[in-house]
Amino acid sequence: MTTFTLKSRKFGEQEFTVPMNGGYVRCNGKQICHGGGFMGSTVSCKPENLETVSRKWWAAFLKNEREFSPSI
């Protein structure tokens, strides 16, 4: 299992994982989906792309959070 940890001031550490041979990406144990959510088309990648995919998904997640919760 390949892991990448992203640190967020508001949300704390977020651990992204993907199997060694590639596959679905998980954030803190939950499968992530395109557009920054947890429902929809599941995100998959190879271990060497995990950091890039994780950062892109996290940016989309934060954008969604700001749209629905103006306090962020």
Protein backbone atom coordinates (compact mmCIF):
# COMPACT_ATOMS: atom_id res chain seq x y z
CA MET A 1 0.00 0.00 0.00
CA THR A 2 1.35 3.41 -0.99
CA THR A 3 0.42 6.35 1.22
CA PHE A 4 0.57 10.13 0.97
CA THR A 5 -0.27 12.39 3.91
CA LEU A 6 -1.60 15.87 3.31
CA LYS A 7 -1.70 18.28 6.25
CA SER A 8 -4.62 20.70 6.58
CA ARG A 9 -4.91 23.39 9.24
CA LYS A 10 -8.68 23.03 9.45
CA PHE A 11 -9.13 19.29 8.84
CA GLY A 12 -5.87 17.86 10.22
CA GLU A 13 -3.86 15.13 8.50
CA GLN A 14 -5.49 13.40 5.55
CA GLU A 15 -4.01 10.05 4.59
CA PHE A 16 -4.43 8.99 0.95
CA THR A 17 -3.71 5.38 0.02
CA VAL A 18 -3.59 3.27 -3.14
CA PRO A 19 -2.59 -0.40 -3.59
CA MET A 20 0.98 -1.09 -4.77
CA ASN A 21 -0.24 -2.26 -8.19
CA GLY A 22 -2.58 0.74 -8.61
CA GLY A 23 -6.31 0.97 -8.12
CA TYR A 24 -8.87 2.97 -6.18
CA VAL A 25 -7.66 5.86 -4.05
CA ARG A 26 -8.87 6.21 -0.47
CA CYS A 27 -8.78 9.17 1.90
CA ASN A 28 -8.78 8.10 5.55
CA GLY A 29 -10.18 4.75 4.48
CA LYS A 30 -13.03 6.09 2.29
CA GLN A 31 -12.94 5.82 -1.49
CA ILE A 32 -12.76 9.20 -3.18
CA CYS A 33 -14.64 10.20 -6.32
CA HIS A 34 -14.11 12.75 -9.09
CA GLY A 35 -15.06 16.31 -8.26
CA GLY A 36 -13.96 16.25 -4.62
CA GLY A 37 -16.68 14.01 -3.27
CA PHE A 38 -17.19 10.53 -1.88
CA MET A 39 -20.03 9.53 -4.25
CA GLY A 40 -19.85 9.20 -8.02
CA SER A 41 -17.07 8.04 -10.34
CA THR A 42 -14.33 6.54 -8.21
CA VAL A 43 -10.80 7.93 -8.58
CA SER A 44 -8.04 5.46 -9.38
CA CYS A 45 -4.34 5.88 -10.08
CA LYS A 46 -0.92 4.26 -9.97
CA PRO A 47 1.29 4.70 -6.88
CA GLU A 48 3.64 7.12 -8.67
CA ASN A 49 0.70 9.50 -9.33
CA LEU A 50 -0.82 9.38 -5.84
CA GLU A 51 0.48 12.76 -4.66
CA THR A 52 -0.74 14.61 -7.75
CA VAL A 53 -4.15 12.92 -7.71
CA SER A 54 -4.54 13.48 -3.97
CA ARG A 55 -3.71 17.19 -4.15
CA LYS A 56 -6.08 17.72 -7.08
CA TRP A 57 -8.92 15.89 -5.31
CA TRP A 58 -8.27 17.79 -2.05
CA ALA A 59 -8.49 21.14 -3.87
CA ALA A 60 -11.84 20.09 -5.38
CA PHE A 61 -13.03 18.89 -1.96
CA LEU A 62 -12.18 22.25 -0.36
CA LYS A 63 -13.91 24.10 -3.21
CA ASN A 64 -17.07 22.05 -2.60
CA GLU A 65 -16.85 22.70 1.14
CA ARG A 66 -16.61 26.47 0.56
CA GLU A 67 -19.65 26.43 -1.73
CA PHE A 68 -21.82 24.68 0.85
CA SER A 69 -20.28 26.13 4.01
CA PRO A 70 -19.24 29.79 3.69
CA SER A 71 -17.33 29.71 7.00
CA ILE A 72 -14.32 27.96 5.38
